[in-house]
């Protein structure tokens, strides 16, 4: 892990996560910003889990990070720990309406966008007409 991804001296875990979040926000696509701005923070920041990753024993990660900063699991150096907190066992709505054509354009927008596990349907007039 690089030094940038380490807490600075005197920085708490929550401050560290907040700083990482602010840096990530600056790098987000418009779709990711839409999710973040509409309270779908978890959907933006899930690091992908691969078959080659090592799954560790489950743990209560919310007690370490607090529920607002826990995404349901923690991945570091290809090792994944799933959070056992009750709040992460609830199903999450994955379909998010968004006007992708405002930044992709109708010629480049497929009408459907998938980033990690989030599915977003384009709401532009062009795609609404096609769907009917």
N, C-alpha and C. Protein backbone atom coordinates (compact mmCIF):
# COMPACT_ATOMS: atom_id res chain seq x y z
N UNK A 1 0.83 -1.17 0.00
CA UNK A 1 0.00 0.00 0.00
C UNK A 1 0.88 1.24 0.00
N UNK A 2 0.57 2.22 -0.84
CA UNK A 2 1.40 3.42 -0.92
C UNK A 2 1.20 4.29 0.31
N UNK A 3 2.15 5.23 0.49
CA UNK A 3 2.08 6.12 1.65
C UNK A 3 0.86 7.02 1.61
N UNK A 4 0.36 7.37 0.39
CA UNK A 4 -0.81 8.22 0.27
C UNK A 4 -2.04 7.56 0.89
N UNK A 5 -2.07 6.23 0.89
CA UNK A 5 -3.22 5.50 1.43
C UNK A 5 -3.03 5.10 2.88
N UNK A 6 -2.21 5.84 3.58
CA UNK A 6 -1.98 5.61 5.01
C UNK A 6 -2.43 6.84 5.79
N UNK A 7 -2.95 6.66 6.99
CA UNK A 7 -3.31 7.83 7.80
C UNK A 7 -2.07 8.69 8.06
N UNK A 8 -2.27 10.00 8.06
CA UNK A 8 -1.20 10.92 8.39
C UNK A 8 -1.01 10.92 9.90
N UNK A 9 0.16 11.36 10.39
CA UNK A 9 0.36 11.40 11.85
C UNK A 9 -0.73 12.24 12.53
N UNK A 10 -1.34 11.67 13.55
CA UNK A 10 -2.40 12.35 14.30
C UNK A 10 -3.77 12.31 13.64
N UNK A 11 -3.90 11.66 12.50
CA UNK A 11 -5.17 11.58 11.79
C UNK A 11 -5.96 10.37 12.28
N UNK A 12 -7.22 10.59 12.66
CA UNK A 12 -8.05 9.47 13.12
C UNK A 12 -8.53 8.67 11.91
N UNK A 13 -9.09 7.50 12.18
CA UNK A 13 -9.62 6.66 11.11
C UNK A 13 -10.70 7.36 10.32
N UNK A 14 -11.59 8.08 11.01
CA UNK A 14 -12.69 8.77 10.34
C UNK A 14 -12.13 9.92 9.49
N UNK A 15 -11.16 10.67 10.01
CA UNK A 15 -10.55 11.76 9.25
C UNK A 15 -9.84 11.21 8.00
N UNK A 16 -9.18 10.08 8.17
CA UNK A 16 -8.49 9.42 7.06
C UNK A 16 -9.49 9.03 5.97
N UNK A 17 -10.61 8.42 6.38
CA UNK A 17 -11.62 8.01 5.41
C UNK A 17 -12.25 9.22 4.72
N UNK A 18 -12.44 10.30 5.48
CA UNK A 18 -13.01 11.52 4.90
C UNK A 18 -12.06 12.11 3.86
N UNK A 19 -10.77 12.13 4.16
CA UNK A 19 -9.78 12.65 3.21
C UNK A 19 -9.76 11.79 1.94
N UNK A 20 -9.77 10.47 2.11
CA UNK A 20 -9.80 9.59 0.94
C UNK A 20 -11.05 9.82 0.10
N UNK A 21 -12.17 10.03 0.79
CA UNK A 21 -13.44 10.30 0.10
C UNK A 21 -13.38 11.58 -0.72
N UNK A 22 -12.80 12.63 -0.15
CA UNK A 22 -12.68 13.90 -0.87
C UNK A 22 -11.76 13.77 -2.08
N UNK A 23 -10.68 13.02 -1.94
CA UNK A 23 -9.77 12.80 -3.06
C UNK A 23 -10.46 11.96 -4.15
N UNK A 24 -11.24 10.98 -3.72
CA UNK A 24 -11.96 10.14 -4.68
C UNK A 24 -13.02 10.94 -5.43
N UNK A 25 -13.71 11.85 -4.71
CA UNK A 25 -14.75 12.67 -5.33
C UNK A 25 -14.19 13.48 -6.48
N UNK A 26 -12.98 13.98 -6.31
CA UNK A 26 -12.34 14.79 -7.36
C UNK A 26 -12.08 13.97 -8.62
N UNK A 27 -11.93 12.65 -8.47
CA UNK A 27 -11.64 11.78 -9.62
C UNK A 27 -12.90 11.11 -10.21
N UNK A 28 -14.07 11.38 -9.63
CA UNK A 28 -15.29 10.68 -10.06
C UNK A 28 -15.79 11.12 -11.42
N UNK A 29 -16.46 10.18 -12.09
CA UNK A 29 -17.20 10.51 -13.31
C UNK A 29 -18.50 11.20 -12.90
N UNK A 30 -19.19 11.84 -13.84
CA UNK A 30 -20.48 12.45 -13.49
C UNK A 30 -21.47 11.44 -12.89
N UNK A 31 -21.45 10.21 -13.39
CA UNK A 31 -22.34 9.17 -12.86
C UNK A 31 -22.02 8.89 -11.40
N UNK A 32 -20.75 8.75 -11.10
CA UNK A 32 -20.34 8.49 -9.72
C UNK A 32 -20.69 9.66 -8.81
N UNK A 33 -20.52 10.89 -9.31
CA UNK A 33 -20.89 12.07 -8.50
C UNK A 33 -22.39 12.09 -8.22
N UNK A 34 -23.17 11.69 -9.23
CA UNK A 34 -24.63 11.62 -9.04
C UNK A 34 -24.96 10.66 -7.89
N UNK A 35 -24.33 9.50 -7.90
CA UNK A 35 -24.57 8.53 -6.83
C UNK A 35 -24.15 9.09 -5.49
N UNK A 36 -23.00 9.69 -5.43
CA UNK A 36 -22.49 10.25 -4.18
C UNK A 36 -23.41 11.36 -3.67
N UNK A 37 -23.78 12.28 -4.56
CA UNK A 37 -24.60 13.42 -4.17
C UNK A 37 -26.01 13.01 -3.76
N UNK A 38 -26.45 11.82 -4.16
CA UNK A 38 -27.80 11.37 -3.82
C UNK A 38 -27.81 10.27 -2.75
N UNK A 39 -26.74 10.23 -1.96
CA UNK A 39 -26.73 9.33 -0.81
C UNK A 39 -26.44 7.88 -1.14
N UNK A 40 -25.88 7.61 -2.31
CA UNK A 40 -25.56 6.23 -2.69
C UNK A 40 -24.05 6.02 -2.62
N UNK A 41 -23.44 6.56 -1.57
CA UNK A 41 -22.00 6.52 -1.36
C UNK A 41 -21.43 5.11 -1.47
N UNK A 42 -22.09 4.16 -0.85
CA UNK A 42 -21.59 2.79 -0.85
C UNK A 42 -21.39 2.26 -2.26
N UNK A 43 -22.33 2.57 -3.16
CA UNK A 43 -22.28 2.04 -4.50
C UNK A 43 -21.09 2.57 -5.30
N UNK A 44 -20.60 3.74 -4.95
CA UNK A 44 -19.47 4.32 -5.67
C UNK A 44 -18.16 3.71 -5.25
N UNK A 45 -18.02 3.41 -3.98
CA UNK A 45 -16.71 3.10 -3.44
C UNK A 45 -16.46 1.62 -3.18
N UNK A 46 -17.32 0.73 -3.62
CA UNK A 46 -17.05 -0.69 -3.47
C UNK A 46 -15.85 -1.08 -4.31
N UNK A 47 -14.75 -1.50 -3.72
CA UNK A 47 -13.68 -2.04 -4.56
C UNK A 47 -14.11 -3.41 -5.06
N UNK A 48 -13.82 -3.74 -6.32
CA UNK A 48 -14.27 -5.04 -6.83
C UNK A 48 -13.57 -6.20 -6.11
N UNK A 49 -14.30 -7.29 -5.92
CA UNK A 49 -13.74 -8.50 -5.29
C UNK A 49 -13.55 -9.54 -6.40
N UNK A 50 -12.38 -10.13 -6.44
CA UNK A 50 -12.05 -11.11 -7.47
C UNK A 50 -11.92 -12.50 -6.84
N UNK A 51 -12.01 -13.53 -7.67
CA UNK A 51 -11.88 -14.91 -7.18
C UNK A 51 -10.54 -15.15 -6.52
N UNK A 52 -9.51 -14.45 -6.98
CA UNK A 52 -8.16 -14.63 -6.44
C UNK A 52 -7.97 -13.98 -5.07
N UNK A 53 -8.93 -13.12 -4.64
CA UNK A 53 -8.82 -12.47 -3.33
C UNK A 53 -9.00 -13.49 -2.21
N UNK A 54 -8.38 -13.23 -1.08
CA UNK A 54 -8.50 -14.08 0.10
C UNK A 54 -9.62 -13.54 0.98
N UNK A 55 -10.62 -14.36 1.27
CA UNK A 55 -11.73 -13.95 2.14
C UNK A 55 -11.34 -14.28 3.57
N UNK A 56 -11.32 -13.26 4.42
CA UNK A 56 -10.95 -13.43 5.83
C UNK A 56 -12.19 -13.71 6.66
N UNK A 57 -12.00 -13.94 7.93
CA UNK A 57 -13.13 -14.14 8.84
C UNK A 57 -13.98 -12.88 8.88
N UNK A 58 -15.30 -12.99 8.93
CA UNK A 58 -16.15 -11.80 9.03
C UNK A 58 -15.89 -11.07 10.34
N UNK A 59 -16.10 -9.74 10.32
CA UNK A 59 -15.86 -8.93 11.52
C UNK A 59 -16.83 -7.76 11.54
N UNK A 60 -16.99 -7.16 12.71
CA UNK A 60 -17.85 -5.99 12.85
C UNK A 60 -17.03 -4.75 12.51
N UNK A 61 -16.93 -4.45 11.21
CA UNK A 61 -16.12 -3.32 10.74
C UNK A 61 -16.76 -1.99 11.13
N UNK A 62 -18.09 -1.97 11.27
CA UNK A 62 -18.76 -0.72 11.67
C UNK A 62 -18.27 -0.21 13.02
N UNK A 63 -17.88 -1.12 13.90
CA UNK A 63 -17.39 -0.66 15.21
C UNK A 63 -16.04 0.04 15.08
N UNK A 64 -15.29 -0.29 14.02
CA UNK A 64 -14.00 0.37 13.80
C UNK A 64 -14.16 1.67 13.02
N UNK A 65 -14.96 1.66 11.95
CA UNK A 65 -15.08 2.82 11.07
C UNK A 65 -16.32 3.65 11.35
N UNK A 66 -17.33 3.11 11.93
CA UNK A 66 -18.70 3.56 12.14
C UNK A 66 -19.50 3.30 10.87
N UNK A 67 -20.78 3.14 11.02
CA UNK A 67 -21.64 2.67 9.92
C UNK A 67 -21.59 3.60 8.70
N UNK A 68 -21.42 4.89 8.93
CA UNK A 68 -21.43 5.84 7.81
C UNK A 68 -20.25 5.65 6.88
N UNK A 69 -19.16 5.08 7.38
CA UNK A 69 -17.96 4.91 6.56
C UNK A 69 -17.70 3.47 6.16
N UNK A 70 -18.52 2.54 6.64
CA UNK A 70 -18.33 1.13 6.30
C UNK A 70 -19.17 0.80 5.07
N UNK A 71 -18.58 0.14 4.08
CA UNK A 71 -19.30 -0.19 2.85
C UNK A 71 -19.79 -1.63 2.84
N UNK A 72 -19.72 -2.30 3.98
CA UNK A 72 -20.20 -3.67 4.06
C UNK A 72 -19.08 -4.68 4.02
N UNK A 73 -17.93 -4.24 3.57
CA UNK A 73 -16.73 -5.06 3.63
C UNK A 73 -15.52 -4.16 3.55
N UNK A 74 -14.37 -4.73 3.80
CA UNK A 74 -13.12 -3.98 3.74
C UNK A 74 -12.13 -4.80 2.93
N UNK A 75 -11.51 -4.17 1.93
CA UNK A 75 -10.54 -4.88 1.09
C UNK A 75 -9.21 -4.15 1.15
N UNK A 76 -8.18 -4.91 1.48
CA UNK A 76 -6.84 -4.35 1.52
C UNK A 76 -5.85 -5.44 1.14
N UNK A 77 -4.96 -5.12 0.20
CA UNK A 77 -3.95 -6.07 -0.26
C UNK A 77 -4.56 -7.42 -0.66
N UNK A 78 -5.65 -7.37 -1.43
CA UNK A 78 -6.34 -8.57 -1.93
C UNK A 78 -6.90 -9.47 -0.83
N UNK A 79 -7.15 -8.90 0.33
CA UNK A 79 -7.75 -9.64 1.44
C UNK A 79 -9.05 -8.93 1.81
N UNK A 80 -10.12 -9.70 1.88
CA UNK A 80 -11.46 -9.13 2.07
C UNK A 80 -12.08 -9.63 3.36
N UNK A 81 -12.58 -8.70 4.15
CA UNK A 81 -13.33 -9.02 5.36
C UNK A 81 -14.73 -8.44 5.22
N UNK A 82 -15.74 -9.26 5.37
CA UNK A 82 -17.12 -8.79 5.28
C UNK A 82 -17.62 -8.35 6.65
N UNK A 83 -18.34 -7.23 6.66
CA UNK A 83 -18.88 -6.70 7.92
C UNK A 83 -20.12 -7.49 8.32
N UNK A 84 -20.22 -7.78 9.60
CA UNK A 84 -21.36 -8.55 10.11
C UNK A 84 -22.47 -7.66 10.66
N UNK A 85 -22.29 -6.34 10.61
CA UNK A 85 -23.28 -5.42 11.17
C UNK A 85 -24.63 -5.61 10.48
N UNK A 86 -25.69 -5.56 11.25
CA UNK A 86 -27.05 -5.80 10.74
C UNK A 86 -27.43 -4.85 9.60
N UNK A 87 -26.93 -3.60 9.64
CA UNK A 87 -27.33 -2.61 8.63
C UNK A 87 -26.87 -2.99 7.23
N UNK A 88 -25.89 -3.87 7.09
CA UNK A 88 -25.40 -4.27 5.77
C UNK A 88 -26.11 -5.50 5.23
N UNK A 89 -27.02 -6.06 5.99
CA UNK A 89 -27.75 -7.24 5.53
C UNK A 89 -29.04 -6.88 4.81
N UNK A 90 -29.37 -5.58 4.74
CA UNK A 90 -30.59 -5.13 4.08
C UNK A 90 -30.34 -4.98 2.58
N UNK A 91 -31.32 -5.34 1.75
CA UNK A 91 -31.13 -5.17 0.30
C UNK A 91 -31.06 -3.69 -0.08
N UNK A 92 -30.28 -3.37 -1.11
CA UNK A 92 -30.10 -1.99 -1.55
C UNK A 92 -30.66 -1.85 -2.96
N UNK A 93 -31.39 -0.78 -3.19
CA UNK A 93 -31.91 -0.50 -4.53
C UNK A 93 -30.74 -0.18 -5.45
N UNK A 94 -30.61 -0.91 -6.56
CA UNK A 94 -29.46 -0.76 -7.44
C UNK A 94 -29.78 -0.02 -8.73
N UNK A 95 -31.02 0.31 -9.00
CA UNK A 95 -31.35 0.99 -10.24
C UNK A 95 -31.46 2.47 -9.98
N UNK A 96 -30.65 3.26 -10.67
CA UNK A 96 -30.56 4.70 -10.45
C UNK A 96 -30.81 5.42 -11.76
N UNK A 97 -31.82 6.30 -11.83
CA UNK A 97 -32.03 7.06 -13.06
C UNK A 97 -30.99 8.17 -13.18
N UNK A 98 -30.49 8.41 -14.37
CA UNK A 98 -29.49 9.46 -14.58
C UNK A 98 -29.43 9.81 -16.05
N UNK A 99 -29.24 11.09 -16.37
CA UNK A 99 -29.15 11.53 -17.76
C UNK A 99 -27.71 11.38 -18.24
N UNK A 100 -27.37 10.18 -18.71
CA UNK A 100 -26.01 9.91 -19.18
C UNK A 100 -25.69 10.70 -20.45
N UNK A 101 -26.73 11.00 -21.25
CA UNK A 101 -26.49 11.70 -22.50
C UNK A 101 -25.99 13.12 -22.27
N UNK A 102 -26.21 13.67 -21.09
CA UNK A 102 -25.73 15.03 -20.83
C UNK A 102 -24.22 15.10 -20.85
N UNK A 103 -23.54 13.97 -20.61
CA UNK A 103 -22.08 13.99 -20.71
C UNK A 103 -21.52 12.97 -21.70
N UNK A 104 -22.29 11.93 -22.07
CA UNK A 104 -21.83 10.98 -23.07
C UNK A 104 -22.36 11.31 -24.46
N UNK A 105 -23.54 11.95 -24.51
CA UNK A 105 -24.18 12.23 -25.80
C UNK A 105 -25.00 11.04 -26.25
N UNK A 106 -26.07 11.29 -26.98
CA UNK A 106 -26.96 10.21 -27.38
C UNK A 106 -26.27 9.17 -28.26
N UNK A 107 -25.27 9.58 -29.04
CA UNK A 107 -24.60 8.62 -29.91
C UNK A 107 -23.70 7.67 -29.13
N UNK A 108 -23.19 8.12 -27.98
CA UNK A 108 -22.28 7.29 -27.19
C UNK A 108 -22.94 6.64 -25.98
N UNK A 109 -24.15 7.04 -25.66
CA UNK A 109 -24.84 6.51 -24.48
C UNK A 109 -25.62 5.26 -24.87
N UNK A 110 -25.43 4.19 -24.14
CA UNK A 110 -26.12 2.93 -24.45
C UNK A 110 -27.53 2.91 -23.87
N UNK A 111 -27.86 3.89 -23.04
CA UNK A 111 -29.16 3.90 -22.39
C UNK A 111 -29.13 3.19 -21.05
N UNK A 112 -28.08 2.42 -20.80
CA UNK A 112 -27.92 1.68 -19.56
C UNK A 112 -26.45 1.74 -19.18
N UNK A 113 -26.15 2.02 -17.94
CA UNK A 113 -24.77 2.07 -17.51
C UNK A 113 -24.60 1.22 -16.26
N UNK A 114 -23.54 0.44 -16.22
CA UNK A 114 -23.25 -0.39 -15.05
C UNK A 114 -21.86 -0.03 -14.56
N UNK A 115 -21.73 0.37 -13.31
CA UNK A 115 -20.44 0.63 -12.69
C UNK A 115 -20.44 -0.15 -11.38
N UNK A 116 -19.50 -1.07 -11.26
CA UNK A 116 -19.47 -2.01 -10.14
C UNK A 116 -20.80 -2.75 -10.10
N UNK A 117 -21.61 -2.59 -9.08
CA UNK A 117 -22.88 -3.32 -9.03
C UNK A 117 -24.08 -2.41 -9.21
N UNK A 118 -23.85 -1.15 -9.61
CA UNK A 118 -24.95 -0.20 -9.75
C UNK A 118 -25.43 -0.18 -11.18
N UNK A 119 -26.73 -0.24 -11.39
CA UNK A 119 -27.30 -0.15 -12.73
C UNK A 119 -28.04 1.17 -12.83
N UNK A 120 -27.69 1.96 -13.82
CA UNK A 120 -28.33 3.26 -14.01
C UNK A 120 -28.96 3.33 -15.39
N UNK A 121 -30.22 3.64 -15.43
CA UNK A 121 -30.94 3.80 -16.70
C UNK A 121 -30.90 5.27 -17.11
N UNK A 122 -30.59 5.53 -18.38
CA UNK A 122 -30.54 6.91 -18.86
C UNK A 122 -31.95 7.48 -18.93
N UNK A 123 -32.10 8.72 -18.48
CA UNK A 123 -33.42 9.36 -18.44
C UNK A 123 -33.62 10.36 -19.58
N UNK A 124 -32.68 10.47 -20.50
CA UNK A 124 -32.83 11.48 -21.55
C UNK A 124 -34.04 11.14 -22.43
N UNK A 125 -34.60 12.17 -23.04
CA UNK A 125 -35.81 12.01 -23.85
C UNK A 125 -35.61 10.98 -24.96
N UNK A 126 -34.44 10.97 -25.58
CA UNK A 126 -34.13 10.05 -26.67
C UNK A 126 -34.30 8.59 -26.23
N UNK A 127 -33.82 8.24 -25.07
CA UNK A 127 -33.91 6.86 -24.59
C UNK A 127 -35.29 6.53 -24.06
N UNK A 128 -36.02 7.52 -23.59
CA UNK A 128 -37.40 7.26 -23.14
C UNK A 128 -38.27 6.93 -24.36
N UNK A 129 -38.04 7.60 -25.49
CA UNK A 129 -38.80 7.33 -26.69
C UNK A 129 -38.49 5.94 -27.22
N UNK A 130 -37.20 5.55 -27.20
CA UNK A 130 -36.80 4.22 -27.67
C UNK A 130 -37.45 3.11 -26.84
N UNK A 131 -37.58 3.33 -25.55
CA UNK A 131 -38.09 2.30 -24.64
C UNK A 131 -39.58 2.05 -24.84
N UNK A 132 -40.32 3.01 -25.37
CA UNK A 132 -41.77 2.86 -25.48
C UNK A 132 -42.17 1.96 -26.62
